[in-house]
Amino acid sequence: RHLGHGPGDFPVAERLSRECLALPLHPELPAGTVERV
């Protein structure tokens, strides 16, 4: 907060924070999981 920034200063970063979603992914993911998700 001490840096003095506010909403709208970095619009792409703010948009990504509203839209990004991580889906399950790792090498041992059971078969069929990606299709189900």
PDB file of all heavy atoms in Angstrom:
ATOM      1  N   ARG A   1       0.826  -1.208   0.000  1.00  0.00           N
ATOM      2  CA  ARG A   1       0.000   0.000   0.000  1.00  0.00           C
ATOM      3  C   ARG A   1       0.867   1.267   0.000  1.00  0.00           C
ATOM      4  O   ARG A   1       0.489   2.296  -0.574  1.00  0.00           O
ATOM      5  CB  ARG A   1      -0.926  -0.011   1.220  1.00  0.00           C
ATOM      6  CG  ARG A   1      -1.942   1.125   1.246  1.00  0.00           C
ATOM      7  CD  ARG A   1      -2.830   1.053   2.483  1.00  0.00           C
ATOM      8  NE  ARG A   1      -3.697  -0.118   2.477  1.00  0.00           N
ATOM      9  CZ  ARG A   1      -3.608  -1.127   3.331  1.00  0.00           C
ATOM     10  NH1 ARG A   1      -2.660  -1.126   4.262  1.00  0.00           N
ATOM     11  NH2 ARG A   1      -4.438  -2.143   3.259  1.00  0.00           N
ATOM     12  N   HIS A   2       2.016   1.179   0.646  1.00  0.00           N
ATOM     13  CA  HIS A   2       2.891   2.349   0.767  1.00  0.00           C
ATOM     14  C   HIS A   2       3.414   2.845  -0.587  1.00  0.00           C
ATOM     15  O   HIS A   2       3.888   3.991  -0.691  1.00  0.00           O
ATOM     16  CB  HIS A   2       4.082   2.034   1.683  1.00  0.00           C
ATOM     17  CG  HIS A   2       4.994   0.975   1.138  1.00  0.00           C
ATOM     18  ND1 HIS A   2       4.670  -0.368   1.159  1.00  0.00           N
ATOM     19  CD2 HIS A   2       6.221   1.061   0.558  1.00  0.00           C
ATOM     20  CE1 HIS A   2       5.654  -1.065   0.618  1.00  0.00           C
ATOM     21  NE2 HIS A   2       6.607  -0.225   0.243  1.00  0.00           N
ATOM     22  N   LEU A   3       3.321   2.016  -1.617  1.00  0.00           N
ATOM     23  CA  LEU A   3       3.791   2.438  -2.936  1.00  0.00           C
ATOM     24  C   LEU A   3       2.798   3.347  -3.649  1.00  0.00           C
ATOM     25  O   LEU A   3       3.122   3.947  -4.668  1.00  0.00           O
ATOM     26  CB  LEU A   3       4.093   1.208  -3.800  1.00  0.00           C
ATOM     27  CG  LEU A   3       5.236   0.311  -3.296  1.00  0.00           C
ATOM     28  CD1 LEU A   3       5.369  -0.927  -4.165  1.00  0.00           C
ATOM     29  CD2 LEU A   3       6.551   1.077  -3.247  1.00  0.00           C
ATOM     30  N   GLY A   4       1.572   3.415  -3.114  1.00  0.00           N
ATOM     31  CA  GLY A   4       0.607   4.393  -3.609  1.00  0.00           C
ATOM     32  C   GLY A   4      -0.169   4.006  -4.841  1.00  0.00           C
ATOM     33  O   GLY A   4      -0.760   4.872  -5.494  1.00  0.00           O
ATOM     34  N   HIS A   5      -0.221   2.738  -5.167  1.00  0.00           N
ATOM     35  CA  HIS A   5      -0.961   2.315  -6.356  1.00  0.00           C
ATOM     36  C   HIS A   5      -2.440   2.135  -6.048  1.00  0.00           C
ATOM     37  O   HIS A   5      -2.843   1.944  -4.895  1.00  0.00           O
ATOM     38  CB  HIS A   5      -0.397   1.001  -6.898  1.00  0.00           C
ATOM     39  CG  HIS A   5       0.990   1.126  -7.429  1.00  0.00           C
ATOM     40  ND1 HIS A   5       1.300   1.923  -8.507  1.00  0.00           N
ATOM     41  CD2 HIS A   5       2.163   0.563  -7.021  1.00  0.00           C
ATOM     42  CE1 HIS A   5       2.599   1.834  -8.755  1.00  0.00           C
ATOM     43  NE2 HIS A   5       3.145   1.026  -7.866  1.00  0.00           N
ATOM     44  N   GLY A   6      -3.240   2.171  -7.104  1.00  0.00           N
ATOM     45  CA  GLY A   6      -4.671   1.960  -6.961  1.00  0.00           C
ATOM     46  C   GLY A   6      -5.219   1.183  -8.125  1.00  0.00           C
ATOM     47  O   GLY A   6      -4.511   0.899  -9.109  1.00  0.00           O
ATOM     48  N   PRO A   7      -6.508   0.822  -8.064  1.00  0.00           N
ATOM     49  CA  PRO A   7      -7.134   0.096  -9.171  1.00  0.00           C
ATOM     50  C   PRO A   7      -6.996   0.863 -10.481  1.00  0.00           C
ATOM     51  O   PRO A   7      -7.124   2.088 -10.520  1.00  0.00           O
ATOM     52  CB  PRO A   7      -8.599   0.002  -8.730  1.00  0.00           C
ATOM     53  CG  PRO A   7      -8.554   0.081  -7.240  1.00  0.00           C
ATOM     54  CD  PRO A   7      -7.429   1.031  -6.933  1.00  0.00           C
ATOM     55  N   GLY A   8      -6.697   0.123 -11.533  1.00  0.00           N
ATOM     56  CA  GLY A   8      -6.536   0.732 -12.848  1.00  0.00           C
ATOM     57  C   GLY A   8      -5.107   1.046 -13.218  1.00  0.00           C
ATOM     58  O   GLY A   8      -4.818   1.347 -14.384  1.00  0.00           O
ATOM     59  N   ASP A   9      -4.182   0.978 -12.251  1.00  0.00           N
ATOM     60  CA  ASP A   9      -2.786   1.313 -12.564  1.00  0.00           C
ATOM     61  C   ASP A   9      -2.150   0.291 -13.503  1.00  0.00           C
ATOM     62  O   ASP A   9      -1.344   0.663 -14.369  1.00  0.00           O
ATOM     63  CB  ASP A   9      -1.969   1.411 -11.277  1.00  0.00           C
ATOM     64  CG  ASP A   9      -2.236   2.693 -10.514  1.00  0.00           C
ATOM     65  OD1 ASP A   9      -3.044   3.515 -10.995  1.00  0.00           O
ATOM     66  OD2 ASP A   9      -1.641   2.880  -9.432  1.00  0.00           O
ATOM     67  N   PHE A  10      -2.480  -0.981 -13.328  1.00  0.00           N
ATOM     68  CA  PHE A  10      -1.930  -2.041 -14.175  1.00  0.00           C
ATOM     69  C   PHE A  10      -3.092  -2.913 -14.635  1.00  0.00           C
ATOM     70  O   PHE A  10      -3.368  -3.981 -14.074  1.00  0.00           O
ATOM     71  CB  PHE A  10      -0.878  -2.849 -13.404  1.00  0.00           C
ATOM     72  CG  PHE A  10       0.254  -1.994 -12.890  1.00  0.00           C
ATOM     73  CD1 PHE A  10       0.295  -1.604 -11.559  1.00  0.00           C
ATOM     74  CD2 PHE A  10       1.241  -1.538 -13.751  1.00  0.00           C
ATOM     75  CE1 PHE A  10       1.315  -0.796 -11.087  1.00  0.00           C
ATOM     76  CE2 PHE A  10       2.274  -0.732 -13.286  1.00  0.00           C
ATOM     77  CZ  PHE A  10       2.311  -0.356 -11.953  1.00  0.00           C
ATOM     78  N   PRO A  11      -3.788  -2.476 -15.666  1.00  0.00           N
ATOM     79  CA  PRO A  11      -5.065  -3.095 -16.035  1.00  0.00           C
ATOM     80  C   PRO A  11      -4.960  -4.552 -16.481  1.00  0.00           C
ATOM     81  O   PRO A  11      -5.878  -5.332 -16.237  1.00  0.00           O
ATOM     82  CB  PRO A  11      -5.577  -2.204 -17.168  1.00  0.00           C
ATOM     83  CG  PRO A  11      -4.399  -1.435 -17.645  1.00  0.00           C
ATOM     84  CD  PRO A  11      -3.496  -1.277 -16.465  1.00  0.00           C
ATOM     85  N   VAL A  12      -3.872  -4.924 -17.126  1.00  0.00           N
ATOM     86  CA  VAL A  12      -3.755  -6.316 -17.558  1.00  0.00           C
ATOM     87  C   VAL A  12      -3.598  -7.233 -16.352  1.00  0.00           C
ATOM     88  O   VAL A  12      -4.248  -8.288 -16.260  1.00  0.00           O
ATOM     89  CB  VAL A  12      -2.588  -6.493 -18.542  1.00  0.00           C
ATOM     90  CG1 VAL A  12      -2.430  -7.976 -18.906  1.00  0.00           C
ATOM     91  CG2 VAL A  12      -2.811  -5.670 -19.795  1.00  0.00           C
ATOM     92  N   ALA A  13      -2.748  -6.834 -15.405  1.00  0.00           N
ATOM     93  CA  ALA A  13      -2.579  -7.631 -14.191  1.00  0.00           C
ATOM     94  C   ALA A  13      -3.907  -7.787 -13.462  1.00  0.00           C
ATOM     95  O   ALA A  13      -4.243  -8.870 -12.959  1.00  0.00           O
ATOM     96  CB  ALA A  13      -1.542  -6.984 -13.280  1.00  0.00           C
ATOM     97  N   GLU A  14      -4.685  -6.721 -13.411  1.00  0.00           N
ATOM     98  CA  GLU A  14      -5.973  -6.772 -12.726  1.00  0.00           C
ATOM     99  C   GLU A  14      -6.954  -7.678 -13.471  1.00  0.00           C
ATOM    100  O   GLU A  14      -7.712  -8.442 -12.851  1.00  0.00           O
ATOM    101  CB  GLU A  14      -6.529  -5.362 -12.568  1.00  0.00           C
ATOM    102  CG  GLU A  14      -5.689  -4.512 -11.619  1.00  0.00           C
ATOM    103  CD  GLU A  14      -6.054  -3.034 -11.628  1.00  0.00           C
ATOM    104  OE1 GLU A  14      -7.259  -2.728 -11.784  1.00  0.00           O
ATOM    105  OE2 GLU A  14      -5.142  -2.200 -11.499  1.00  0.00           O
ATOM    106  N   ARG A  15      -6.929  -7.635 -14.793  1.00  0.00           N
ATOM    107  CA  ARG A  15      -7.815  -8.502 -15.568  1.00  0.00           C
ATOM    108  C   ARG A  15      -7.443  -9.975 -15.373  1.00  0.00           C
ATOM    109  O   ARG A  15      -8.321 -10.837 -15.207  1.00  0.00           O
ATOM    110  CB  ARG A  15      -7.742  -8.126 -17.046  1.00  0.00           C
ATOM    111  CG  ARG A  15      -8.662  -8.961 -17.923  1.00  0.00           C
ATOM    112  CD  ARG A  15      -8.548  -8.569 -19.388  1.00  0.00           C
ATOM    113  NE  ARG A  15      -9.401  -9.422 -20.221  1.00  0.00           N
ATOM    114  CZ  ARG A  15      -9.416  -9.398 -21.547  1.00  0.00           C
ATOM    115  NH1 ARG A  15      -8.616  -8.539 -22.198  1.00  0.00           N
ATOM    116  NH2 ARG A  15     -10.202 -10.203 -22.216  1.00  0.00           N
ATOM    117  N   LEU A  16      -6.156 -10.267 -15.381  1.00  0.00           N
ATOM    118  CA  LEU A  16      -5.722 -11.642 -15.170  1.00  0.00           C
ATOM    119  C   LEU A  16      -6.155 -12.149 -13.797  1.00  0.00           C
ATOM    120  O   LEU A  16      -6.536 -13.318 -13.645  1.00  0.00           O
ATOM    121  CB  LEU A  16      -4.207 -11.745 -15.321  1.00  0.00           C
ATOM    122  CG  LEU A  16      -3.661 -11.570 -16.741  1.00  0.00           C
ATOM    123  CD1 LEU A  16      -2.140 -11.471 -16.718  1.00  0.00           C
ATOM    124  CD2 LEU A  16      -4.103 -12.714 -17.645  1.00  0.00           C
ATOM    125  N   SER A  17      -6.110 -11.296 -12.799  1.00  0.00           N
ATOM    126  CA  SER A  17      -6.528 -11.702 -11.464  1.00  0.00           C
ATOM    127  C   SER A  17      -8.013 -12.045 -11.406  1.00  0.00           C
ATOM    128  O   SER A  17      -8.441 -12.811 -10.539  1.00  0.00           O
ATOM    129  CB  SER A  17      -6.222 -10.587 -10.453  1.00  0.00           C
ATOM    130  OG  SER A  17      -4.832 -10.435 -10.275  1.00  0.00           O
ATOM    131  N   ARG A  18      -8.782 -11.494 -12.323  1.00  0.00           N
ATOM    132  CA  ARG A  18     -10.216 -11.794 -12.381  1.00  0.00           C
ATOM    133  C   ARG A  18     -10.519 -13.042 -13.216  1.00  0.00           C
ATOM    134  O   ARG A  18     -11.565 -13.654 -13.046  1.00  0.00           O
ATOM    135  CB  ARG A  18     -10.994 -10.612 -12.969  1.00  0.00           C
ATOM    136  CG  ARG A  18     -10.983  -9.355 -12.128  1.00  0.00           C
ATOM    137  CD  ARG A  18     -11.976  -8.328 -12.662  1.00  0.00           C
ATOM    138  NE  ARG A  18     -11.683  -7.902 -14.026  1.00  0.00           N
ATOM    139  CZ  ARG A  18     -10.926  -6.844 -14.343  1.00  0.00           C
ATOM    140  NH1 ARG A  18     -10.369  -6.127 -13.366  1.00  0.00           N
ATOM    141  NH2 ARG A  18     -10.715  -6.508 -15.603  1.00  0.00           N
ATOM    142  N   GLU A  19      -9.604 -13.405 -14.129  1.00  0.00           N
ATOM    143  CA  GLU A  19      -9.918 -14.444 -15.109  1.00  0.00           C
ATOM    144  C   GLU A  19      -9.120 -15.735 -14.969  1.00  0.00           C
ATOM    145  O   GLU A  19      -9.574 -16.789 -15.433  1.00  0.00           O
ATOM    146  CB  GLU A  19      -9.701 -13.898 -16.522  1.00  0.00           C
ATOM    147  CG  GLU A  19     -10.615 -12.742 -16.896  1.00  0.00           C
ATOM    148  CD  GLU A  19     -10.366 -12.253 -18.314  1.00  0.00           C
ATOM    149  OE1 GLU A  19      -9.470 -12.819 -18.990  1.00  0.00           O
ATOM    150  OE2 GLU A  19     -11.049 -11.301 -18.743  1.00  0.00           O
ATOM    151  N   CYS A  20      -7.941 -15.700 -14.363  1.00  0.00           N
ATOM    152  CA  CYS A  20      -7.073 -16.876 -14.357  1.00  0.00           C
ATOM    153  C   CYS A  20      -7.623 -17.989 -13.469  1.00  0.00           C
ATOM    154  O   CYS A  20      -8.033 -17.747 -12.332  1.00  0.00           O
ATOM    155  CB  CYS A  20      -5.670 -16.498 -13.896  1.00  0.00           C
ATOM    156  SG  CYS A  20      -4.667 -15.735 -15.196  1.00  0.00           S
ATOM    157  N   LEU A  21      -7.586 -19.194 -13.997  1.00  0.00           N
ATOM    158  CA  LEU A  21      -8.027 -20.364 -13.250  1.00  0.00           C
ATOM    159  C   LEU A  21      -7.110 -21.528 -13.598  1.00  0.00           C
ATOM    160  O   LEU A  21      -6.920 -21.856 -14.773  1.00  0.00           O
ATOM    161  CB  LEU A  21      -9.474 -20.717 -13.596  1.00  0.00           C
ATOM    162  CG  LEU A  21     -10.083 -21.876 -12.785  1.00  0.00           C
ATOM    163  CD1 LEU A  21     -10.262 -21.469 -11.327  1.00  0.00           C
ATOM    164  CD2 LEU A  21     -11.421 -22.300 -13.388  1.00  0.00           C
ATOM    165  N   ALA A  22      -6.557 -22.171 -12.568  1.00  0.00           N
ATOM    166  CA  ALA A  22      -5.658 -23.308 -12.758  1.00  0.00           C
ATOM    167  C   ALA A  22      -6.437 -24.607 -12.632  1.00  0.00           C
ATOM    168  O   ALA A  22      -7.127 -24.838 -11.629  1.00  0.00           O
ATOM    169  CB  ALA A  22      -4.526 -23.265 -11.740  1.00  0.00           C
ATOM    170  N   LEU A  23      -6.314 -25.461 -13.642  1.00  0.00           N
ATOM    171  CA  LEU A  23      -6.987 -26.751 -13.671  1.00  0.00           C
ATOM    172  C   LEU A  23      -6.022 -27.854 -13.237  1.00  0.00           C
ATOM    173  O   LEU A  23      -4.805 -27.708 -13.367  1.00  0.00           O
ATOM    174  CB  LEU A  23      -7.498 -27.038 -15.086  1.00  0.00           C
ATOM    175  CG  LEU A  23      -8.372 -25.950 -15.723  1.00  0.00           C
ATOM    176  CD1 LEU A  23      -8.801 -26.372 -17.121  1.00  0.00           C
ATOM    177  CD2 LEU A  23      -9.588 -25.630 -14.861  1.00  0.00           C
ATOM    178  N   PRO A  24      -6.534 -28.950 -12.718  1.00  0.00           N
ATOM    179  CA  PRO A  24      -5.637 -30.021 -12.247  1.00  0.00           C
ATOM    180  C   PRO A  24      -4.728 -30.530 -13.358  1.00  0.00           C
ATOM    181  O   PRO A  24      -5.190 -30.846 -14.459  1.00  0.00           O
ATOM    182  CB  PRO A  24      -6.611 -31.115 -11.782  1.00  0.00           C
ATOM    183  CG  PRO A  24      -7.883 -30.393 -11.469  1.00  0.00           C
ATOM    184  CD  PRO A  24      -7.952 -29.265 -12.472  1.00  0.00           C
ATOM    185  N   LEU A  25      -3.434 -30.594 -13.065  1.00  0.00           N
ATOM    186  CA  LEU A  25      -2.456 -31.127 -14.018  1.00  0.00           C
ATOM    187  C   LEU A  25      -1.215 -31.561 -13.255  1.00  0.00           C
ATOM    188  O   LEU A  25      -0.591 -30.750 -12.570  1.00  0.00           O
ATOM    189  CB  LEU A  25      -2.094 -30.094 -15.093  1.00  0.00           C
ATOM    190  CG  LEU A  25      -1.126 -30.579 -16.185  1.00  0.00           C
ATOM    191  CD1 LEU A  25      -1.412 -29.877 -17.511  1.00  0.00           C
ATOM    192  CD2 LEU A  25       0.339 -30.338 -15.800  1.00  0.00           C
ATOM    193  N   HIS A  26      -0.890 -32.826 -13.364  1.00  0.00           N
ATOM    194  CA  HIS A  26       0.378 -33.364 -12.865  1.00  0.00           C
ATOM    195  C   HIS A  26       0.598 -34.705 -13.554  1.00  0.00           C
ATOM    196  O   HIS A  26      -0.346 -35.291 -14.109  1.00  0.00           O
ATOM    197  CB  HIS A  26       0.374 -33.497 -11.336  1.00  0.00           C
ATOM    198  CG  HIS A  26      -0.740 -34.332 -10.788  1.00  0.00           C
ATOM    199  ND1 HIS A  26      -0.714 -35.706 -10.778  1.00  0.00           N
ATOM    200  CD2 HIS A  26      -1.936 -33.986 -10.238  1.00  0.00           C
ATOM    201  CE1 HIS A  26      -1.819 -36.174 -10.233  1.00  0.00           C
ATOM    202  NE2 HIS A  26      -2.581 -35.149  -9.899  1.00  0.00           N
ATOM    203  N   PRO A  27       1.834 -35.218 -13.571  1.00  0.00           N
ATOM    204  CA  PRO A  27       2.124 -36.405 -14.383  1.00  0.00           C
ATOM    205  C   PRO A  27       1.333 -37.647 -13.989  1.00  0.00           C
ATOM    206  O   PRO A  27       1.140 -38.537 -14.825  1.00  0.00           O
ATOM    207  CB  PRO A  27       3.627 -36.617 -14.158  1.00  0.00           C
ATOM    208  CG  PRO A  27       4.158 -35.274 -13.816  1.00  0.00           C
ATOM    209  CD  PRO A  27       3.064 -34.612 -13.027  1.00  0.00           C
ATOM    210  N   GLU A  28       0.877 -37.712 -12.751  1.00  0.00           N
ATOM    211  CA  GLU A  28       0.153 -38.900 -12.294  1.00  0.00           C
ATOM    212  C   GLU A  28      -1.358 -38.735 -12.390  1.00  0.00           C
ATOM    213  O   GLU A  28      -2.113 -39.523 -11.821  1.00  0.00           O
ATOM    214  CB  GLU A  28       0.557 -39.226 -10.851  1.00  0.00           C
ATOM    215  CG  GLU A  28       2.022 -39.571 -10.672  1.00  0.00           C
ATOM    216  CD  GLU A  28       2.949 -38.368 -10.652  1.00  0.00           C
ATOM    217  OE1 GLU A  28       2.449 -37.221 -10.467  1.00  0.00           O
ATOM    218  OE2 GLU A  28       4.164 -38.547 -10.818  1.00  0.00           O
ATOM    219  N   LEU A  29      -1.822 -37.726 -13.115  1.00  0.00           N
ATOM    220  CA  LEU A  29      -3.256 -37.484 -13.248  1.00  0.00           C
ATOM    221  C   LEU A  29      -3.934 -38.729 -13.834  1.00  0.00           C
ATOM    222  O   LEU A  29      -3.527 -39.240 -14.877  1.00  0.00           O
ATOM    223  CB  LEU A  29      -3.487 -36.282 -14.161  1.00  0.00           C
ATOM    224  CG  LEU A  29      -4.814 -35.530 -14.031  1.00  0.00           C
ATOM    225  CD1 LEU A  29      -4.918 -34.829 -12.690  1.00  0.00           C
ATOM    226  CD2 LEU A  29      -4.947 -34.515 -15.164  1.00  0.00           C
ATOM    227  N   PRO A  30      -4.971 -39.254 -13.178  1.00  0.00           N
ATOM    228  CA  PRO A  30      -5.610 -40.478 -13.675  1.00  0.00           C
ATOM    229  C   PRO A  30      -6.167 -40.302 -15.089  1.00  0.00           C
ATOM    230  O   PRO A  30      -6.619 -39.212 -15.470  1.00  0.00           O
ATOM    231  CB  PRO A  30      -6.734 -40.719 -12.659  1.00  0.00           C
ATOM    232  CG  PRO A  30      -6.271 -40.039 -11.407  1.00  0.00           C
ATOM    233  CD  PRO A  30      -5.530 -38.824 -11.877  1.00  0.00           C
ATOM    234  N   ALA A  31      -6.144 -41.367 -15.854  1.00  0.00           N
ATOM    235  CA  ALA A  31      -6.678 -41.344 -17.217  1.00  0.00           C
ATOM    236  C   ALA A  31      -8.136 -40.911 -17.201  1.00  0.00           C
ATOM    237  O   ALA A  31      -8.912 -41.308 -16.320  1.00  0.00           O
ATOM    238  CB  ALA A  31      -6.545 -42.718 -17.847  1.00  0.00           C
ATOM    239  N   GLY A  32      -8.502 -40.087 -18.168  1.00  0.00           N
ATOM    240  CA  GLY A  32      -9.868 -39.609 -18.283  1.00  0.00           C
ATOM    241  C   GLY A  32     -10.167 -38.341 -17.512  1.00  0.00           C
ATOM    242  O   GLY A  32     -11.246 -37.753 -17.689  1.00  0.00           O
ATOM    243  N   THR A  33      -9.220 -37.880 -16.690  1.00  0.00           N
ATOM    244  CA  THR A  33      -9.480 -36.697 -15.866  1.00  0.00           C
ATOM    245  C   THR A  33      -9.622 -35.447 -16.719  1.00  0.00           C
ATOM    246  O   THR A  33     -10.523 -34.631 -16.501  1.00  0.00           O
ATOM    247  CB  THR A  33      -8.365 -36.501 -14.827  1.00  0.00           C
ATOM    248  OG1 THR A  33      -8.282 -37.661 -13.999  1.00  0.00           O
ATOM    249  CG2 THR A  33      -8.657 -35.281 -13.949  1.00  0.00           C
ATOM    250  N   VAL A  34      -8.739 -35.269 -17.685  1.00  0.00           N
ATOM    251  CA  VAL A  34      -8.802 -34.072 -18.529  1.00  0.00           C
ATOM    252  C   VAL A  34     -10.140 -34.018 -19.257  1.00  0.00           C
ATOM    253  O   VAL A  34     -10.802 -32.963 -19.315  1.00  0.00           O
ATOM    254  CB  VAL A  34      -7.628 -34.046 -19.531  1.00  0.00           C
ATOM    255  CG1 VAL A  34      -7.818 -32.917 -20.542  1.00  0.00           C
ATOM    256  CG2 VAL A  34      -6.310 -33.879 -18.792  1.00  0.00           C
ATOM    257  N   GLU A  35     -10.575 -35.143 -19.808  1.00  0.00           N
ATOM    258  CA  GLU A  35     -11.860 -35.179 -20.503  1.00  0.00           C
ATOM    259  C   GLU A  35     -13.006 -34.797 -19.565  1.00  0.00           C
ATOM    260  O   GLU A  35     -13.916 -34.058 -19.963  1.00  0.00           O
ATOM    261  CB  GLU A  35     -12.104 -36.576 -21.081  1.00  0.00           C
ATOM    262  CG  GLU A  35     -11.179 -36.955 -22.224  1.00  0.00           C
ATOM    263  CD  GLU A  35      -9.911 -37.642 -21.745  1.00  0.00           C
ATOM    264  OE1 GLU A  35      -9.540 -37.481 -20.548  1.00  0.00           O
ATOM    265  OE2 GLU A  35      -9.278 -38.333 -22.558  1.00  0.00           O
ATOM    266  N   ARG A  36     -12.944 -35.308 -18.353  1.00  0.00           N
ATOM    267  CA  ARG A  36     -14.018 -35.003 -17.397  1.00  0.00           C
ATOM    268  C   ARG A  36     -14.044 -33.521 -17.053  1.00  0.00           C
ATOM    269  O   ARG A  36     -15.098 -32.890 -17.019  1.00  0.00           O
ATOM    270  CB  ARG A  36     -13.829 -35.829 -16.130  1.00  0.00           C
ATOM    271  CG  ARG A  36     -14.884 -35.529 -15.060  1.00  0.00           C
ATOM    272  CD  ARG A  36     -14.621 -36.272 -13.778  1.00  0.00           C
ATOM    273  NE  ARG A  36     -15.465 -35.745 -12.709  1.00  0.00           N
ATOM    274  CZ  ARG A  36     -15.305 -36.059 -11.438  1.00  0.00           C
ATOM    275  NH1 ARG A  36     -14.360 -36.898 -11.062  1.00  0.00           N
ATOM    276  NH2 ARG A  36     -16.096 -35.523 -10.517  1.00  0.00           N
ATOM    277  N   VAL A  37     -12.871 -32.938 -16.788  1.00  0.00           N
ATOM    278  CA  VAL A  37     -12.813 -31.522 -16.429  1.00  0.00           C
ATOM    279  C   VAL A  37     -13.342 -30.663 -17.574  1.00  0.00           C
ATOM    280  O   VAL A  37     -14.151 -29.742 -17.378  1.00  0.00           O
ATOM    281  CB  VAL A  37     -11.370 -31.116 -16.052  1.00  0.00           C
ATOM    282  CG1 VAL A  37     -11.268 -29.607 -15.863  1.00  0.00           C
ATOM    283  CG2 VAL A  37     -10.919 -31.848 -14.783  1.00  0.00           C
TER     284      VAL A  37
END
